[in-house]
Amino acid sequence: MTKTNAVTPDELKRVEAYLRKTFGAPTIKVKGRQKAADAAEVYVGDEFLGVVSKDTEDGELCYQFSMTILDIDLA
């Protein structure tokens, strides 16, 4: 897996629309990251949810969503 170019504003909108539809959550927001241009942060309202990274694998563009769930959040 090789990380590539910065995530564009159009890609942010498209990924946001996909996540909203997939999770049925209209308050999901996807925002670009200042320190990592090939990734974006995902929020539900004001709460940080995870990171979406832009990758190319075997010449195909994909976006990977990574979310950490803390044990204390499962209570």
Protein backbone atom coordinates (compact mmCIF):
# COMPACT_ATOMS: atom_id res chain seq x y z
CA MET A 1 0.00 0.00 0.00
CA THR A 2 1.36 3.36 -0.99
CA LYS A 3 -0.10 6.65 0.16
CA THR A 4 -0.50 9.21 -2.57
CA ASN A 5 -1.75 12.74 -3.23
CA ALA A 6 -3.66 15.02 -0.93
CA VAL A 7 -7.37 14.42 -0.44
CA THR A 8 -9.18 17.04 -2.51
CA PRO A 9 -12.25 19.00 -1.36
CA ASP A 10 -14.35 17.03 -3.87
CA GLU A 11 -13.10 13.74 -2.40
CA LEU A 12 -13.91 14.96 1.12
CA LYS A 13 -17.50 15.65 0.03
CA ARG A 14 -17.84 12.31 -1.74
CA VAL A 15 -16.45 10.31 1.19
CA GLU A 16 -18.66 12.28 3.60
CA ALA A 17 -21.76 11.53 1.50
CA TYR A 18 -20.84 7.84 1.37
CA LEU A 19 -20.34 7.59 5.14
CA ARG A 20 -23.58 9.47 5.87
CA LYS A 21 -25.52 7.12 3.59
CA THR A 22 -23.80 3.94 4.78
CA PHE A 23 -24.18 4.66 8.51
CA GLY A 24 -27.49 6.54 8.26
CA ALA A 25 -25.92 9.45 10.13
CA PRO A 26 -26.50 12.87 8.53
CA THR A 27 -24.29 14.59 11.14
CA ILE A 28 -21.09 12.88 9.94
CA LYS A 29 -18.51 15.42 8.79
CA VAL A 30 -15.23 14.72 6.98
CA LYS A 31 -12.53 17.38 7.38
CA GLY A 32 -9.06 17.54 5.83
CA ARG A 33 -6.02 17.21 8.09
CA GLN A 34 -3.36 19.90 8.17
CA LYS A 35 -0.42 17.61 9.02
CA ALA A 36 -1.38 14.67 6.79
CA ALA A 37 -2.73 15.82 3.43
CA ASP A 38 -3.48 12.24 2.34
CA ALA A 39 -5.95 11.73 5.20
CA ALA A 40 -9.09 13.29 6.66
CA GLU A 41 -10.76 13.28 10.06
CA VAL A 42 -14.28 11.95 10.55
CA TYR A 43 -16.63 13.46 13.12
CA VAL A 44 -20.17 12.79 14.30
CA GLY A 45 -21.29 16.23 15.38
CA ASP A 46 -18.32 17.56 17.36
CA GLU A 47 -17.03 14.12 18.44
CA PHE A 48 -13.96 12.71 16.67
CA LEU A 49 -14.77 9.28 15.23
CA GLY A 50 -11.77 8.22 13.15
CA VAL A 51 -9.53 8.83 10.17
CA VAL A 52 -9.97 8.18 6.46
CA SER A 53 -6.73 7.64 4.52
CA LYS A 54 -6.38 7.89 0.77
CA ASP A 55 -4.40 4.97 -0.69
CA THR A 56 -3.58 3.34 -3.97
CA GLU A 57 -3.23 -0.40 -4.12
CA ASP A 58 -2.33 -2.17 -7.35
CA GLY A 59 -3.04 1.08 -9.19
CA GLU A 60 -6.55 1.42 -7.73
CA LEU A 61 -7.63 4.35 -5.57
CA CYS A 62 -9.29 3.50 -2.26
CA TYR A 63 -10.11 5.13 1.06
CA GLN A 64 -9.51 3.31 4.33
CA PHE A 65 -11.54 4.21 7.41
CA SER A 66 -9.87 3.60 10.78
CA MET A 67 -11.71 3.96 14.08
CA THR A 68 -10.38 3.25 17.55
CA ILE A 69 -12.89 2.18 20.21
CA LEU A 70 -11.74 2.65 23.79
CA ASP A 71 -12.81 0.17 26.46
CA ILE A 72 -14.32 3.00 28.52
CA ASP A 73 -16.60 3.85 25.59
CA LEU A 74 -18.16 0.40 25.76
CA ALA A 75 -19.60 0.88 29.25
